[in-house]
Amino acid sequence: MNKIPLTVAGAEKLRAELHDLKTVQRPAIIQAIAEARAHGDLSENAEYHAAKERQSFIEGRINELEAKLSNAQIINPALLDADGRCVFGATVDLEDMASGEVVTYQIVGDDEADIKEGKISISSPIARALIGKSPGDVAEVQAPGGIREYEILDVRYV
């Protein structure tokens, strides 16, 4: 399996979710299944079937998180030395050439992406257009509404 790029914070977030699933949610669902079994006939027991479905989801998510973490390539942006270029983990200040609006994004892994927090996925069109560029360069991004141009104002590794 390919290495999955993650920032240190992203890996920590996945580890915390995995810990919660294993230590809190898994025991709770086992208890819910035991209680539903105590109610008798399992063929028409909606509580039992719902609990089993939830257990299946939890076990699937645990397997998915363990696989991602075992294949993770954890990158600490603070230790990067990319000569000012946009790379994975970099925080980039951009100016929309059409509107003049200035935005700041951090390029992160797919599992960490959250536009509300200013984190964009490495596989997103805007991140792909930014990779390898330096401050002063203009990145052309193919957006649903057409091509948008962004000037790179600053690149930081924090």
N, C-alpha and C. Protein backbone atom coordinates (compact mmCIF):
# COMPACT_ATOMS: atom_id res chain seq x y z
N MET A 1 0.84 -1.18 0.00
CA MET A 1 0.00 0.00 0.00
C MET A 1 0.88 1.25 0.00
N ASN A 2 0.43 2.29 -0.66
CA ASN A 2 1.20 3.53 -0.73
C ASN A 2 1.24 4.23 0.62
N LYS A 3 2.30 5.00 0.82
CA LYS A 3 2.42 5.81 2.02
C LYS A 3 1.36 6.91 1.98
N ILE A 4 0.75 7.18 3.12
CA ILE A 4 -0.27 8.22 3.23
C ILE A 4 0.36 9.40 3.95
N PRO A 5 0.48 10.56 3.26
CA PRO A 5 1.09 11.71 3.93
C PRO A 5 0.15 12.30 4.98
N LEU A 6 0.70 12.57 6.15
CA LEU A 6 -0.04 13.19 7.25
C LEU A 6 0.87 14.18 7.95
N THR A 7 0.28 15.26 8.45
CA THR A 7 1.06 16.16 9.30
C THR A 7 1.07 15.54 10.70
N VAL A 8 1.91 16.07 11.57
CA VAL A 8 1.99 15.56 12.94
C VAL A 8 0.63 15.72 13.63
N ALA A 9 -0.02 16.88 13.44
CA ALA A 9 -1.33 17.13 14.06
C ALA A 9 -2.39 16.18 13.50
N GLY A 10 -2.34 15.92 12.22
CA GLY A 10 -3.31 15.01 11.59
C GLY A 10 -3.17 13.59 12.11
N ALA A 11 -1.93 13.13 12.27
CA ALA A 11 -1.70 11.79 12.79
C ALA A 11 -2.19 11.69 14.23
N GLU A 12 -1.97 12.74 15.00
CA GLU A 12 -2.41 12.76 16.40
C GLU A 12 -3.93 12.70 16.49
N LYS A 13 -4.60 13.40 15.58
CA LYS A 13 -6.07 13.40 15.54
C LYS A 13 -6.60 12.00 15.22
N LEU A 14 -5.96 11.31 14.26
CA LEU A 14 -6.38 9.94 13.92
C LEU A 14 -6.12 8.98 15.08
N ARG A 15 -4.99 9.16 15.77
CA ARG A 15 -4.68 8.31 16.93
C ARG A 15 -5.72 8.51 18.04
N ALA A 16 -6.13 9.77 18.25
CA ALA A 16 -7.13 10.07 19.29
C ALA A 16 -8.47 9.42 18.94
N GLU A 17 -8.86 9.49 17.66
CA GLU A 17 -10.12 8.86 17.24
C GLU A 17 -10.04 7.35 17.43
N LEU A 18 -8.91 6.75 17.07
CA LEU A 18 -8.72 5.31 17.22
C LEU A 18 -8.81 4.91 18.70
N HIS A 19 -8.17 5.68 19.55
CA HIS A 19 -8.19 5.41 20.99
C HIS A 19 -9.63 5.48 21.52
N ASP A 20 -10.40 6.49 21.10
CA ASP A 20 -11.79 6.63 21.52
C ASP A 20 -12.63 5.44 21.05
N LEU A 21 -12.42 5.04 19.81
CA LEU A 21 -13.19 3.90 19.28
C LEU A 21 -12.91 2.62 20.06
N LYS A 22 -11.62 2.40 20.39
CA LYS A 22 -11.24 1.15 21.06
C LYS A 22 -11.59 1.14 22.55
N THR A 23 -11.45 2.28 23.22
CA THR A 23 -11.61 2.29 24.68
C THR A 23 -12.97 2.76 25.16
N VAL A 24 -13.72 3.50 24.33
CA VAL A 24 -15.02 4.01 24.76
C VAL A 24 -16.15 3.39 23.96
N GLN A 25 -16.10 3.55 22.64
CA GLN A 25 -17.23 3.14 21.82
C GLN A 25 -17.36 1.63 21.67
N ARG A 26 -16.24 0.93 21.51
CA ARG A 26 -16.31 -0.53 21.36
C ARG A 26 -16.91 -1.19 22.61
N PRO A 27 -16.42 -0.86 23.82
CA PRO A 27 -17.04 -1.46 25.02
C PRO A 27 -18.52 -1.07 25.19
N ALA A 28 -18.87 0.15 24.82
CA ALA A 28 -20.27 0.60 24.95
C ALA A 28 -21.18 -0.20 24.02
N ILE A 29 -20.73 -0.47 22.82
CA ILE A 29 -21.57 -1.20 21.87
C ILE A 29 -21.67 -2.67 22.26
N ILE A 30 -20.62 -3.22 22.83
CA ILE A 30 -20.68 -4.60 23.33
C ILE A 30 -21.73 -4.70 24.44
N GLN A 31 -21.76 -3.71 25.32
CA GLN A 31 -22.76 -3.66 26.39
C GLN A 31 -24.17 -3.53 25.81
N ALA A 32 -24.33 -2.69 24.77
CA ALA A 32 -25.65 -2.50 24.15
C ALA A 32 -26.14 -3.80 23.50
N ILE A 33 -25.23 -4.54 22.88
CA ILE A 33 -25.60 -5.83 22.26
C ILE A 33 -26.04 -6.83 23.34
N ALA A 34 -25.30 -6.85 24.45
CA ALA A 34 -25.65 -7.77 25.55
C ALA A 34 -27.04 -7.45 26.10
N GLU A 35 -27.33 -6.15 26.26
CA GLU A 35 -28.64 -5.74 26.77
C GLU A 35 -29.75 -6.11 25.78
N ALA A 36 -29.50 -5.90 24.49
CA ALA A 36 -30.51 -6.22 23.48
C ALA A 36 -30.75 -7.73 23.41
N ARG A 37 -29.71 -8.52 23.61
CA ARG A 37 -29.86 -9.99 23.62
C ARG A 37 -30.73 -10.45 24.78
N ALA A 38 -30.64 -9.74 25.87
CA ALA A 38 -31.40 -10.11 27.07
C ALA A 38 -32.90 -9.94 26.86
N HIS A 39 -33.29 -9.18 25.85
CA HIS A 39 -34.70 -8.94 25.58
C HIS A 39 -35.36 -10.10 24.85
N GLY A 40 -34.62 -11.12 24.51
CA GLY A 40 -35.22 -12.32 23.93
C GLY A 40 -35.04 -12.45 22.44
N ASP A 41 -36.12 -12.78 21.74
CA ASP A 41 -36.13 -13.10 20.30
C ASP A 41 -35.33 -12.09 19.48
N LEU A 42 -34.21 -12.55 18.89
CA LEU A 42 -33.32 -11.67 18.15
C LEU A 42 -33.82 -11.38 16.74
N SER A 43 -34.69 -12.22 16.19
CA SER A 43 -35.12 -12.03 14.80
C SER A 43 -35.95 -10.76 14.62
N GLU A 44 -36.67 -10.35 15.66
CA GLU A 44 -37.48 -9.14 15.54
C GLU A 44 -37.03 -8.07 16.53
N ASN A 45 -35.79 -8.12 16.93
CA ASN A 45 -35.27 -7.19 17.93
C ASN A 45 -34.51 -6.06 17.21
N ALA A 46 -35.17 -4.93 17.03
CA ALA A 46 -34.57 -3.80 16.31
C ALA A 46 -33.36 -3.25 17.04
N GLU A 47 -33.41 -3.23 18.37
CA GLU A 47 -32.27 -2.74 19.16
C GLU A 47 -31.02 -3.57 18.87
N TYR A 48 -31.20 -4.87 18.84
CA TYR A 48 -30.08 -5.78 18.59
C TYR A 48 -29.48 -5.54 17.21
N HIS A 49 -30.36 -5.44 16.20
CA HIS A 49 -29.87 -5.24 14.83
C HIS A 49 -29.18 -3.90 14.67
N ALA A 50 -29.70 -2.87 15.31
CA ALA A 50 -29.06 -1.54 15.25
C ALA A 50 -27.70 -1.57 15.94
N ALA A 51 -27.61 -2.25 17.08
CA ALA A 51 -26.34 -2.35 17.80
C ALA A 51 -25.31 -3.13 16.99
N LYS A 52 -25.75 -4.23 16.35
CA LYS A 52 -24.83 -5.01 15.53
C LYS A 52 -24.32 -4.19 14.34
N GLU A 53 -25.22 -3.39 13.75
CA GLU A 53 -24.82 -2.54 12.63
C GLU A 53 -23.81 -1.49 13.09
N ARG A 54 -24.05 -0.91 14.24
CA ARG A 54 -23.12 0.09 14.80
C ARG A 54 -21.78 -0.57 15.10
N GLN A 55 -21.81 -1.79 15.64
CA GLN A 55 -20.57 -2.51 15.93
C GLN A 55 -19.78 -2.74 14.64
N SER A 56 -20.48 -3.10 13.59
CA SER A 56 -19.82 -3.32 12.30
C SER A 56 -19.15 -2.04 11.81
N PHE A 57 -19.85 -0.92 11.95
CA PHE A 57 -19.28 0.37 11.54
C PHE A 57 -18.03 0.69 12.36
N ILE A 58 -18.11 0.51 13.68
CA ILE A 58 -16.98 0.82 14.56
C ILE A 58 -15.77 -0.05 14.22
N GLU A 59 -15.99 -1.34 14.04
CA GLU A 59 -14.88 -2.25 13.71
C GLU A 59 -14.26 -1.89 12.36
N GLY A 60 -15.11 -1.51 11.39
CA GLY A 60 -14.60 -1.10 10.08
C GLY A 60 -13.75 0.15 10.18
N ARG A 61 -14.21 1.12 10.99
CA ARG A 61 -13.46 2.37 11.16
C ARG A 61 -12.14 2.12 11.88
N ILE A 62 -12.15 1.22 12.89
CA ILE A 62 -10.91 0.87 13.59
C ILE A 62 -9.91 0.28 12.60
N ASN A 63 -10.36 -0.65 11.76
CA ASN A 63 -9.47 -1.26 10.76
C ASN A 63 -8.92 -0.21 9.80
N GLU A 64 -9.80 0.70 9.36
CA GLU A 64 -9.38 1.75 8.43
C GLU A 64 -8.33 2.66 9.06
N LEU A 65 -8.56 3.09 10.31
CA LEU A 65 -7.60 3.97 10.98
C LEU A 65 -6.27 3.27 11.23
N GLU A 66 -6.32 2.00 11.63
CA GLU A 66 -5.07 1.26 11.86
C GLU A 66 -4.27 1.13 10.57
N ALA A 67 -4.96 0.88 9.46
CA ALA A 67 -4.28 0.76 8.17
C ALA A 67 -3.65 2.10 7.77
N LYS A 68 -4.39 3.18 7.94
CA LYS A 68 -3.87 4.50 7.58
C LYS A 68 -2.65 4.86 8.43
N LEU A 69 -2.75 4.61 9.72
CA LEU A 69 -1.63 4.96 10.61
C LEU A 69 -0.42 4.08 10.35
N SER A 70 -0.64 2.82 10.00
CA SER A 70 0.51 1.94 9.74
C SER A 70 1.21 2.31 8.42
N ASN A 71 0.47 2.94 7.50
CA ASN A 71 1.05 3.35 6.23
C ASN A 71 1.33 4.85 6.17
N ALA A 72 1.24 5.52 7.31
CA ALA A 72 1.41 6.97 7.34
C ALA A 72 2.86 7.38 7.17
N GLN A 73 3.03 8.44 6.42
CA GLN A 73 4.33 9.10 6.34
C GLN A 73 4.11 10.44 7.03
N ILE A 74 4.55 10.52 8.28
CA ILE A 74 4.27 11.71 9.09
C ILE A 74 5.32 12.77 8.80
N ILE A 75 4.82 13.94 8.41
CA ILE A 75 5.70 15.04 8.01
C ILE A 75 5.48 16.21 8.95
N ASN A 76 6.55 16.69 9.56
CA ASN A 76 6.47 17.85 10.43
C ASN A 76 6.83 19.09 9.61
N PRO A 77 5.84 19.96 9.31
CA PRO A 77 6.11 21.13 8.48
C PRO A 77 7.21 22.04 9.04
N ALA A 78 7.35 22.09 10.37
CA ALA A 78 8.35 22.96 10.99
C ALA A 78 9.77 22.52 10.65
N LEU A 79 9.95 21.25 10.28
CA LEU A 79 11.29 20.73 9.97
C LEU A 79 11.61 20.77 8.48
N LEU A 80 10.67 21.26 7.67
CA LEU A 80 10.87 21.30 6.23
C LEU A 80 11.82 22.42 5.84
N ASP A 81 12.59 22.16 4.82
CA ASP A 81 13.43 23.20 4.23
C ASP A 81 13.26 23.07 2.72
N ALA A 82 12.26 23.77 2.20
CA ALA A 82 11.94 23.64 0.77
C ALA A 82 12.26 24.92 0.01
N ASP A 83 13.14 25.74 0.54
CA ASP A 83 13.57 26.98 -0.11
C ASP A 83 12.40 27.87 -0.51
N GLY A 84 11.36 27.93 0.33
CA GLY A 84 10.24 28.82 0.06
C GLY A 84 9.22 28.28 -0.92
N ARG A 85 9.39 27.06 -1.40
CA ARG A 85 8.43 26.49 -2.35
C ARG A 85 7.24 25.89 -1.61
N CYS A 86 6.12 25.77 -2.30
CA CYS A 86 4.92 25.12 -1.76
C CYS A 86 5.13 23.62 -1.79
N VAL A 87 5.04 23.00 -0.63
CA VAL A 87 5.16 21.56 -0.50
C VAL A 87 4.12 21.08 0.50
N PHE A 88 4.00 19.77 0.65
CA PHE A 88 3.07 19.21 1.63
C PHE A 88 3.39 19.79 3.01
N GLY A 89 2.36 20.23 3.71
CA GLY A 89 2.53 20.76 5.07
C GLY A 89 2.75 22.26 5.12
N ALA A 90 3.05 22.88 3.98
CA ALA A 90 3.30 24.32 3.95
C ALA A 90 2.01 25.10 4.16
N THR A 91 2.13 26.26 4.78
CA THR A 91 1.02 27.20 4.92
C THR A 91 1.26 28.30 3.90
N VAL A 92 0.25 28.55 3.06
CA VAL A 92 0.42 29.44 1.91
C VAL A 92 -0.59 30.58 1.98
N ASP A 93 -0.09 31.82 1.81
CA ASP A 93 -0.96 32.99 1.69
C ASP A 93 -1.14 33.27 0.21
N LEU A 94 -2.41 33.35 -0.22
CA LEU A 94 -2.73 33.55 -1.64
C LEU A 94 -3.61 34.78 -1.82
N GLU A 95 -3.44 35.42 -2.97
CA GLU A 95 -4.34 36.50 -3.34
C GLU A 95 -5.07 36.10 -4.61
N ASP A 96 -6.41 36.12 -4.54
CA ASP A 96 -7.23 35.84 -5.71
C ASP A 96 -7.04 37.02 -6.67
N MET A 97 -6.52 36.76 -7.85
CA MET A 97 -6.20 37.83 -8.81
C MET A 97 -7.46 38.57 -9.27
N ALA A 98 -8.61 37.89 -9.31
CA ALA A 98 -9.84 38.52 -9.79
C ALA A 98 -10.47 39.41 -8.72
N SER A 99 -10.55 38.92 -7.47
CA SER A 99 -11.27 39.66 -6.43
C SER A 99 -10.34 40.42 -5.48
N GLY A 100 -9.08 40.08 -5.45
CA GLY A 100 -8.15 40.72 -4.53
C GLY A 100 -8.23 40.14 -3.13
N GLU A 101 -9.08 39.15 -2.92
CA GLU A 101 -9.24 38.52 -1.61
C GLU A 101 -7.99 37.72 -1.26
N VAL A 102 -7.54 37.84 0.00
CA VAL A 102 -6.37 37.11 0.46
C VAL A 102 -6.84 35.97 1.35
N VAL A 103 -6.37 34.76 1.07
CA VAL A 103 -6.71 33.58 1.85
C VAL A 103 -5.45 32.85 2.27
N THR A 104 -5.55 32.08 3.35
CA THR A 104 -4.42 31.30 3.84
C THR A 104 -4.85 29.84 3.93
N TYR A 105 -4.05 28.96 3.34
CA TYR A 105 -4.33 27.53 3.38
C TYR A 105 -3.09 26.78 3.81
N GLN A 106 -3.31 25.65 4.50
CA GLN A 106 -2.23 24.71 4.77
C GLN A 106 -2.51 23.48 3.93
N ILE A 107 -1.50 22.97 3.25
CA ILE A 107 -1.65 21.78 2.41
C ILE A 107 -1.42 20.56 3.30
N VAL A 108 -2.48 19.72 3.43
CA VAL A 108 -2.45 18.58 4.34
C VAL A 108 -2.93 17.31 3.63
N GLY A 109 -2.93 16.21 4.36
CA GLY A 109 -3.41 14.94 3.82
C GLY A 109 -4.92 14.93 3.64
N ASP A 110 -5.40 13.95 2.88
CA ASP A 110 -6.83 13.85 2.58
C ASP A 110 -7.69 13.75 3.85
N ASP A 111 -7.20 13.04 4.86
CA ASP A 111 -7.99 12.85 6.08
C ASP A 111 -8.02 14.08 6.97
N GLU A 112 -7.10 15.00 6.77
CA GLU A 112 -7.02 16.19 7.61
C GLU A 112 -7.74 17.39 7.02
N ALA A 113 -8.04 17.34 5.74
CA ALA A 113 -8.59 18.50 5.03
C ALA A 113 -9.87 19.00 5.69
N ASP A 114 -9.92 20.31 5.91
CA ASP A 114 -11.10 20.97 6.47
C ASP A 114 -11.02 22.44 6.06
N ILE A 115 -11.81 22.80 5.06
CA ILE A 115 -11.73 24.14 4.50
C ILE A 115 -12.05 25.21 5.55
N LYS A 116 -12.90 24.88 6.53
CA LYS A 116 -13.25 25.85 7.58
C LYS A 116 -12.03 26.19 8.43
N GLU A 117 -11.11 25.25 8.55
CA GLU A 117 -9.88 25.47 9.32
C GLU A 117 -8.74 25.93 8.42
N GLY A 118 -9.02 26.13 7.14
CA GLY A 118 -7.98 26.57 6.21
C GLY A 118 -7.03 25.45 5.82
N LYS A 119 -7.49 24.22 5.86
CA LYS A 119 -6.64 23.08 5.49
C LYS A 119 -7.20 22.45 4.23
N ILE A 120 -6.37 22.40 3.19
CA ILE A 120 -6.80 21.82 1.92
C ILE A 120 -6.02 20.54 1.64
N SER A 121 -6.70 19.60 1.01
CA SER A 121 -6.11 18.30 0.71
C SER A 121 -5.03 18.41 -0.36
N ILE A 122 -3.98 17.63 -0.20
CA ILE A 122 -2.89 17.58 -1.17
C ILE A 122 -3.41 17.16 -2.54
N SER A 123 -4.53 16.44 -2.58
CA SER A 123 -5.05 15.98 -3.87
C SER A 123 -6.09 16.94 -4.46
N SER A 124 -6.35 18.07 -3.80
CA SER A 124 -7.32 19.03 -4.33
C SER A 124 -6.70 19.79 -5.51
N PRO A 125 -7.54 20.29 -6.42
CA PRO A 125 -7.00 21.02 -7.58
C PRO A 125 -6.14 22.22 -7.19
N ILE A 126 -6.54 22.96 -6.16
CA ILE A 126 -5.77 24.14 -5.78
C ILE A 126 -4.41 23.75 -5.21
N ALA A 127 -4.36 22.70 -4.39
CA ALA A 127 -3.07 22.26 -3.83
C ALA A 127 -2.15 21.74 -4.94
N ARG A 128 -2.72 20.98 -5.88
CA ARG A 128 -1.89 20.47 -6.99
C ARG A 128 -1.32 21.62 -7.81
N ALA A 129 -2.11 22.71 -7.97
CA ALA A 129 -1.61 23.85 -8.73
C ALA A 129 -0.53 24.62 -7.97
N LEU A 130 -0.56 24.54 -6.64
CA LEU A 130 0.40 25.29 -5.82
C LEU A 130 1.73 24.56 -5.65
N ILE A 131 1.73 23.24 -5.64
CA ILE A 131 2.94 22.47 -5.35
C ILE A 131 4.08 22.89 -6.29
N GLY A 132 5.22 23.19 -5.65
CA GLY A 132 6.42 23.55 -6.40
C GLY A 132 6.55 25.04 -6.69
N LYS A 133 5.50 25.81 -6.46
CA LYS A 133 5.55 27.25 -6.73
C LYS A 133 6.17 28.00 -5.55
N SER A 134 6.65 29.22 -5.82
CA SER A 134 7.29 30.07 -4.82
C SER A 134 6.54 31.39 -4.71
N PRO A 135 6.82 32.17 -3.65
CA PRO A 135 6.17 33.49 -3.55
C PRO A 135 6.44 34.34 -4.79
N GLY A 136 5.39 35.00 -5.26
CA GLY A 136 5.48 35.80 -6.48
C GLY A 136 4.96 35.07 -7.70
N ASP A 137 4.92 33.74 -7.65
CA ASP A 137 4.39 32.95 -8.76
C ASP A 137 2.86 33.05 -8.79
N VAL A 138 2.29 32.78 -9.96
CA VAL A 138 0.84 32.75 -10.11
C VAL A 138 0.44 31.30 -10.42
N ALA A 139 -0.53 30.80 -9.65
CA ALA A 139 -1.02 29.44 -9.86
C ALA A 139 -2.38 29.52 -10.53
N GLU A 140 -2.55 28.76 -11.61
CA GLU A 140 -3.84 28.69 -12.29
C GLU A 140 -4.55 27.43 -11.83
N VAL A 141 -5.77 27.62 -11.32
CA VAL A 141 -6.55 26.51 -10.77
C VAL A 141 -7.80 26.32 -11.61
N GLN A 142 -7.99 25.08 -12.07
CA GLN A 142 -9.20 24.77 -12.83
C GLN A 142 -10.33 24.56 -11.83
N ALA A 143 -11.22 25.54 -11.71
CA ALA A 143 -12.35 25.48 -10.79
C ALA A 143 -13.62 25.20 -11.59
N PRO A 144 -14.70 24.79 -10.92
CA PRO A 144 -15.94 24.53 -11.64
C PRO A 144 -16.43 25.73 -12.45
N GLY A 145 -16.15 26.94 -11.97
CA GLY A 145 -16.58 28.14 -12.67
C GLY A 145 -15.57 28.64 -13.69
N GLY A 146 -14.55 27.87 -13.98
CA GLY A 146 -13.52 28.28 -14.93
C GLY A 146 -12.17 28.39 -14.24
N ILE A 147 -11.18 28.89 -14.98
CA ILE A 147 -9.82 28.99 -14.44
C ILE A 147 -9.73 30.21 -13.52
N ARG A 148 -9.17 29.99 -12.32
CA ARG A 148 -8.95 31.07 -11.35
C ARG A 148 -7.45 31.19 -11.13
N GLU A 149 -7.00 32.42 -10.98
CA GLU A 149 -5.58 32.65 -10.78
C GLU A 149 -5.34 33.18 -9.36
N TYR A 150 -4.32 32.61 -8.73
CA TYR A 150 -3.93 33.03 -7.39
C TYR A 150 -2.45 33.38 -7.40
N GLU A 151 -2.12 34.53 -6.81
CA GLU A 151 -0.71 34.89 -6.66
C GLU A 151 -0.28 34.42 -5.28
N ILE A 152 0.87 33.77 -5.23
CA ILE A 152 1.40 33.28 -3.96
C ILE A 152 2.13 34.44 -3.28
N LEU A 153 1.63 34.85 -2.11
CA LEU A 153 2.22 35.97 -1.39
C LEU A 153 3.32 35.51 -0.43
N ASP A 154 3.07 34.38 0.25
CA ASP A 154 4.04 33.91 1.25
C ASP A 154 3.87 32.41 1.45
N VAL A 155 4.97 31.74 1.77
CA VAL A 155 4.95 30.31 2.09
C VAL A 155 5.68 30.14 3.41
N ARG A 156 4.98 29.52 4.38
CA ARG A 156 5.56 29.30 5.70
C ARG A 156 5.52 27.81 6.03
N TYR A 157 6.44 27.38 6.88
CA TYR A 157 6.49 25.99 7.32
C TYR A 157 6.32 26.01 8.84
N VAL A 158 5.08 25.94 9.30
CA VAL A 158 4.82 26.02 10.76
C VAL A 158 4.13 24.78 11.26
